């Protein structure tokens, strides 16, 4: 593994120059074999959508093959290697920052968290209706990319990808099945219940003991299960969901910053301001302005 490349996005040194990239999202319309393809590690969610042919690769040492009308979803920080492609391959590749997925699917992101961190990957086969939706969305996506539509191009591309993610979420809901031993399944159920409880709580900024008590386990055990299954502690999950709420309400609501602070469980505006500055590097009003201008 000495030749592993820590990697963000896709370049000519790996797959090929992407059709689109903006730092949070990278799109390749026709994946082709490249003589310099080497093991890569992505800090993004890897979504491969196969229209035709076969694509075989290793992820974290396990071999996977996707065929026509398959979608493969790989978790962040996985290592990909040993790429083999059929001559008739027509495969679209999207690499998406997990934070962007969480923002796009808010407040319906728990399904992705559970699927990414419980099963580590998902290989899905599309129904005929989902196949038609996929075709229309990619045609619209590539029109906006190739025609360089000017103003709001990024926003339009992100909007189309958001619809695509919801389509994949629908397929996940229909097809996702957890296959594990009874012992492992119990731990997965606990993690599943924790994410469900956390995401459904209006006030998520609660002590770890609050969630552990609701789930009838000790804080230590909840932390251990979360770390083992997702490489993140329960406290880190709580922090991520709180930050998602802060980002969402500052960007998508017109209520005052004080009202947001109280809604999210901060005792006063001063504590909320300190929290936003520590986690986002700006005051709530500055961060709101930055989000709306981005």
Protein backbone atom coordinates (compact mmCIF):
# COMPACT_ATOMS: atom_id res chain seq x y z
CA UNK A 1 0.00 0.00 0.00
CA UNK A 2 3.00 2.34 -0.18
CA UNK A 3 1.74 3.83 -3.46
CA UNK A 4 -1.65 4.80 -2.04
CA UNK A 5 -2.58 8.40 -2.92
CA UNK A 6 -4.49 10.53 -0.40
CA UNK A 7 -6.96 12.09 -2.75
CA UNK A 8 -9.74 14.67 -3.05
CA UNK A 9 -11.56 14.89 -6.38
CA UNK A 10 -10.45 13.22 -9.58
CA UNK A 11 -7.54 14.25 -11.78
CA UNK A 12 -5.67 13.04 -14.84
CA UNK A 13 -3.32 11.19 -12.47
CA UNK A 14 -6.11 8.82 -11.44
CA UNK A 15 -9.26 8.30 -13.51
CA UNK A 16 -9.44 11.25 -15.92
CA UNK A 17 -10.19 14.93 -15.98
CA UNK A 18 -13.73 15.31 -14.64
CA UNK A 19 -16.58 16.87 -16.58
CA UNK A 20 -17.48 18.96 -13.55
CA UNK A 21 -16.01 19.77 -10.13
CA UNK A 22 -16.61 22.47 -7.56
CA UNK A 23 -14.85 21.24 -4.42
CA UNK A 24 -17.93 19.49 -2.97
CA UNK A 25 -18.99 17.56 -6.06
CA UNK A 26 -17.06 15.86 -8.87
CA UNK A 27 -18.75 14.30 -11.92
CA UNK A 28 -17.34 12.06 -14.65
CA UNK A 29 -19.86 11.34 -17.41
CA UNK A 30 -18.05 8.46 -19.15
CA UNK A 31 -15.61 6.55 -16.98
CA UNK A 32 -12.72 5.25 -19.10
CA UNK A 33 -9.66 3.18 -18.34
CA UNK A 34 -6.61 5.32 -17.74
CA UNK A 35 -3.06 3.88 -17.87
CA UNK A 36 -2.09 5.75 -14.69
CA UNK A 37 -4.97 4.53 -12.56
CA UNK A 38 -3.52 3.64 -9.17
CA UNK A 39 -4.93 2.88 -5.73
CA UNK A 40 -6.81 5.93 -4.51
CA UNK A 41 -8.41 6.96 -1.25
CA UNK A 42 -11.43 9.23 -1.46
CA UNK A 43 -12.65 11.41 1.39
CA UNK A 44 -15.97 11.63 -0.45
CA UNK A 45 -18.96 9.37 -0.97
CA UNK A 46 -18.31 7.33 -4.13
CA UNK A 47 -21.37 6.84 -6.35
CA UNK A 48 -20.94 4.77 -9.52
CA UNK A 49 -23.96 4.55 -11.85
CA UNK A 50 -23.69 1.90 -14.58
CA UNK A 51 -25.70 2.40 -17.79
CA UNK A 52 -24.01 -0.37 -19.81
CA UNK A 53 -21.23 -2.98 -19.49
CA UNK A 54 -19.32 -4.09 -16.38
CA UNK A 55 -17.04 -2.34 -13.92
CA UNK A 56 -15.00 -4.34 -11.41
CA UNK A 57 -12.86 -2.86 -8.63
CA UNK A 58 -11.64 -3.50 -5.11
CA UNK A 59 -12.85 -1.42 -2.19
CA UNK A 60 -10.89 -1.89 1.03
CA UNK A 61 -9.60 -5.21 -0.27
CA UNK A 62 -12.99 -6.64 -1.32
CA UNK A 63 -13.91 -7.08 -4.98
CA UNK A 64 -17.16 -5.70 -6.37
CA UNK A 65 -18.66 -5.75 -9.86
CA UNK A 66 -21.44 -3.51 -11.06
CA UNK A 67 -23.51 -4.24 -14.16
CA UNK A 68 -26.08 -2.43 -16.27
CA UNK A 69 -28.66 -0.53 -14.17
CA UNK A 70 -26.63 -0.95 -10.96
CA UNK A 71 -25.62 1.80 -8.56
CA UNK A 72 -22.74 1.36 -6.13
CA UNK A 73 -22.36 3.62 -3.09
CA UNK A 74 -19.03 3.56 -1.25
CA UNK A 75 -18.32 5.14 2.12
CA UNK A 76 -15.85 8.02 2.66
CA UNK A 77 -12.15 7.23 3.13
CA UNK A 78 -12.38 3.84 1.42
CA UNK A 79 -9.44 2.69 -0.72
CA UNK A 80 -10.17 1.72 -4.35
CA UNK A 81 -7.86 -0.40 -6.52
CA UNK A 82 -7.65 -3.05 -9.30
CA UNK A 83 -10.00 -1.41 -11.80
CA UNK A 84 -11.27 -3.59 -14.67
CA UNK A 85 -13.70 -2.23 -17.25
CA UNK A 86 -15.53 -3.87 -20.13
CA UNK A 87 -15.05 -2.34 -23.59
CA UNK A 88 -18.71 -1.27 -23.74
CA UNK A 89 -18.69 0.33 -20.29
CA UNK A 90 -20.90 3.38 -19.84
CA UNK A 91 -20.50 4.32 -16.19
CA UNK A 92 -21.10 7.70 -14.57
CA UNK A 93 -19.10 8.57 -11.46
CA UNK A 94 -20.03 11.07 -8.78
CA UNK A 95 -17.85 11.86 -5.79
CA UNK A 96 -19.78 13.90 -3.25
CA UNK A 97 -18.72 15.40 0.05
CA UNK A 98 -20.77 13.79 2.78
CA UNK A 99 -21.53 17.23 4.21
CA UNK A 100 -23.12 18.17 0.87
CA UNK A 101 -25.25 15.00 0.89
CA UNK A 102 -26.39 15.75 4.43
CA UNK A 103 -27.31 19.29 3.40
CA UNK A 104 -29.13 18.17 0.25
CA UNK A 105 -31.16 15.51 2.05
CA UNK A 106 -31.91 17.48 5.21
CA UNK A 107 -33.84 16.39 7.26
CA UNK A 108 -33.97 12.95 5.58
CA UNK A 109 -30.27 12.13 5.87
CA UNK A 110 -30.47 9.30 8.49
CA UNK A 111 -31.02 6.64 5.80
CA UNK A 112 -27.69 7.54 4.19
CA UNK A 113 -25.86 7.59 7.51
CA UNK A 114 -27.19 4.17 8.42
CA UNK A 115 -26.47 2.65 5.01
CA UNK A 116 -22.98 4.13 4.68
CA UNK A 117 -21.80 3.25 8.16
CA UNK A 118 -23.67 0.02 8.85
CA UNK A 119 -23.09 -1.84 5.60
CA UNK A 120 -20.11 0.32 4.45
CA UNK A 121 -21.40 0.10 0.88
CA UNK A 122 -24.55 -0.56 -1.05
CA UNK A 123 -24.92 -2.25 -4.40
CA UNK A 124 -28.38 -1.46 -5.74
CA UNK A 125 -30.22 -2.61 -8.85
CA UNK A 126 -32.65 -0.10 -10.31
CA UNK A 127 -36.27 -0.81 -11.16
CA UNK A 128 -37.48 0.13 -14.67
CA UNK A 129 -39.06 3.34 -13.31
CA UNK A 130 -35.88 4.31 -11.45
CA UNK A 131 -33.87 3.54 -14.59
CA UNK A 132 -35.99 6.01 -16.59
CA UNK A 133 -35.59 8.65 -13.87
CA UNK A 134 -31.82 8.12 -13.83
CA UNK A 135 -31.62 8.57 -17.61
CA UNK A 136 -33.61 11.81 -17.60
CA UNK A 137 -31.63 13.25 -14.68
CA UNK A 138 -28.22 12.53 -16.22
CA UNK A 139 -29.33 13.97 -19.56
CA UNK A 140 -30.40 17.15 -17.78
CA UNK A 141 -27.23 17.15 -15.69
CA UNK A 142 -24.92 16.88 -18.70
CA UNK A 143 -26.90 19.52 -20.61
CA UNK A 144 -26.20 21.99 -17.81
CA UNK A 145 -22.54 20.98 -17.64
CA UNK A 146 -21.78 20.96 -21.37
CA UNK A 147 -23.77 24.06 -22.29
CA UNK A 148 -22.10 26.04 -19.48
CA UNK A 149 -25.40 27.65 -18.63
CA UNK A 150 -23.78 30.60 -16.85
CA UNK A 151 -25.54 32.15 -13.88
CA UNK A 152 -26.72 29.62 -11.30
CA UNK A 153 -25.04 26.70 -13.08
CA UNK A 154 -23.70 25.30 -9.81
CA UNK A 155 -27.08 25.70 -8.11
CA UNK A 156 -28.85 23.96 -10.99
CA UNK A 157 -26.36 21.08 -11.03
CA UNK A 158 -26.68 20.64 -7.27
CA UNK A 159 -30.48 20.69 -7.57
CA UNK A 160 -30.40 17.88 -10.15
CA UNK A 161 -27.99 15.84 -8.02
CA UNK A 162 -30.31 16.35 -5.06
CA UNK A 163 -33.19 14.78 -7.01
CA UNK A 164 -30.87 11.93 -8.00
CA UNK A 165 -29.96 11.36 -4.33
CA UNK A 166 -33.62 11.20 -3.39
CA UNK A 167 -34.16 8.67 -6.17
CA UNK A 168 -31.31 6.57 -4.79
CA UNK A 169 -32.77 6.98 -1.29
CA UNK A 170 -36.05 5.54 -2.53
CA UNK A 171 -34.19 2.54 -3.94
CA UNK A 172 -32.25 2.18 -0.68
CA UNK A 173 -35.50 2.11 1.26
CA UNK A 174 -36.83 -0.66 -0.97
CA UNK A 175 -33.71 -2.81 -1.27
CA UNK A 176 -31.47 -2.26 1.76
CA UNK A 177 -31.22 -5.40 3.89
CA UNK A 178 -28.89 -5.90 6.82
CA UNK A 179 -27.14 -9.26 6.72
CA UNK A 180 -25.19 -10.02 9.87
CA UNK A 181 -24.83 -12.30 12.85
CA UNK A 182 -27.25 -11.88 15.75
CA UNK A 183 -24.59 -10.25 17.94
CA UNK A 184 -23.51 -7.81 15.26
CA UNK A 185 -27.14 -7.16 14.35
CA UNK A 186 -27.92 -6.07 17.92
CA UNK A 187 -25.13 -3.51 17.75
CA UNK A 188 -26.36 -2.31 14.37
CA UNK A 189 -29.87 -1.96 15.77
CA UNK A 190 -28.52 0.16 18.61
CA UNK A 191 -26.64 2.41 16.17
CA UNK A 192 -29.75 2.58 13.95
CA UNK A 193 -31.91 3.55 16.93
CA UNK A 194 -29.39 6.16 18.05
CA UNK A 195 -29.30 7.84 14.62
CA UNK A 196 -33.10 7.72 14.43
CA UNK A 197 -33.48 9.22 17.92
CA UNK A 198 -30.85 11.87 17.26
CA UNK A 199 -32.23 12.94 13.88
CA UNK A 200 -35.84 13.08 15.10
CA UNK A 201 -35.07 15.24 18.16
CA UNK A 202 -35.82 18.91 17.60
CA UNK A 203 -33.25 19.83 20.26
CA UNK A 204 -30.25 17.66 19.44
CA UNK A 205 -27.74 19.48 21.64
CA UNK A 206 -28.18 17.16 24.60
CA UNK A 207 -25.63 15.42 26.86
CA UNK A 208 -24.50 11.99 25.71
CA UNK A 209 -26.09 10.53 28.85
CA UNK A 210 -29.48 11.80 27.68
CA UNK A 211 -29.36 9.64 24.52
CA UNK A 212 -27.81 6.66 26.30
CA UNK A 213 -30.58 6.75 28.90
CA UNK A 214 -33.25 6.85 26.18
CA UNK A 215 -31.64 3.79 24.57
CA UNK A 216 -31.19 1.97 27.91
CA UNK A 217 -27.41 1.60 27.59
CA UNK A 218 -24.44 3.26 29.22
CA UNK A 219 -22.79 6.28 27.55
CA UNK A 220 -19.56 4.30 27.35
CA UNK A 221 -21.20 1.40 25.51
CA UNK A 222 -23.03 3.72 23.10
CA UNK A 223 -19.77 5.48 22.31
CA UNK A 224 -17.99 2.15 21.75
CA UNK A 225 -20.67 0.87 19.36
CA UNK A 226 -20.73 4.11 17.37
CA UNK A 227 -16.93 4.17 17.11
CA UNK A 228 -16.72 0.51 16.06
CA UNK A 229 -19.41 0.80 13.38
CA UNK A 230 -18.81 4.30 12.04
CA UNK A 231 -15.32 5.35 13.22
CA UNK A 232 -17.04 8.27 14.96
CA UNK A 233 -18.04 8.59 18.61
CA UNK A 234 -21.61 9.25 19.73
CA UNK A 235 -20.54 12.75 20.77
CA UNK A 236 -19.17 13.40 17.26
CA UNK A 237 -22.49 12.29 15.76
CA UNK A 238 -24.37 14.64 18.09
CA UNK A 239 -22.06 17.50 17.10
CA UNK A 240 -22.52 16.79 13.39
CA UNK A 241 -26.30 16.83 13.62
CA UNK A 242 -26.30 20.02 15.71
CA UNK A 243 -24.07 21.69 13.11
CA UNK A 244 -26.35 20.50 10.30
CA UNK A 245 -29.32 22.11 12.08
CA UNK A 246 -27.40 25.36 12.62
CA UNK A 247 -26.38 25.47 8.96
CA UNK A 248 -29.90 24.65 7.77
CA UNK A 249 -31.73 27.27 9.84
CA UNK A 250 -29.23 30.02 9.08
CA UNK A 251 -29.51 29.35 5.36
CA UNK A 252 -33.09 28.26 4.80
CA UNK A 253 -35.13 30.15 7.39
CA UNK A 254 -36.00 33.78 7.94
CA UNK A 255 -36.32 33.58 11.71
CA UNK A 256 -33.95 35.67 13.80
CA UNK A 257 -30.65 34.37 15.09
CA UNK A 258 -32.00 34.56 18.64
CA UNK A 259 -35.01 32.44 17.64
CA UNK A 260 -32.69 29.90 16.01
CA UNK A 261 -30.58 29.73 19.18
CA UNK A 262 -33.61 29.04 21.38
CA UNK A 263 -35.10 26.57 18.87
CA UNK A 264 -31.88 24.51 18.87
CA UNK A 265 -31.56 24.40 22.65
CA UNK A 266 -28.99 27.12 23.37
CA UNK A 267 -29.78 28.93 26.61
CA UNK A 268 -29.00 32.37 25.20
CA UNK A 269 -27.70 34.22 22.17
CA UNK A 270 -24.21 34.58 23.64
CA UNK A 271 -23.69 30.81 23.94
CA UNK A 272 -25.02 30.31 20.43
CA UNK A 273 -22.67 32.94 19.03
CA UNK A 274 -19.70 31.33 20.75
CA UNK A 275 -20.70 27.89 19.41
CA UNK A 276 -21.00 29.14 15.81
CA UNK A 277 -17.68 30.99 15.98
CA UNK A 278 -15.90 27.92 17.37
CA UNK A 279 -17.35 25.54 14.77
CA UNK A 280 -17.70 27.73 11.68
CA UNK A 281 -15.13 30.47 12.24
CA UNK A 282 -17.56 33.38 12.07
CA UNK A 283 -20.41 34.98 14.01
CA UNK A 284 -23.94 33.69 13.28
CA UNK A 285 -24.79 36.77 11.20
CA UNK A 286 -21.52 36.56 9.25
CA UNK A 287 -21.94 32.84 8.68
CA UNK A 288 -25.55 33.32 7.52
CA UNK A 289 -24.39 35.96 5.03
CA UNK A 290 -21.60 33.66 3.81
CA UNK A 291 -24.01 30.75 3.28
CA UNK A 292 -26.47 32.86 1.32
CA UNK A 293 -23.70 34.29 -0.89
CA UNK A 294 -22.01 30.94 -1.54
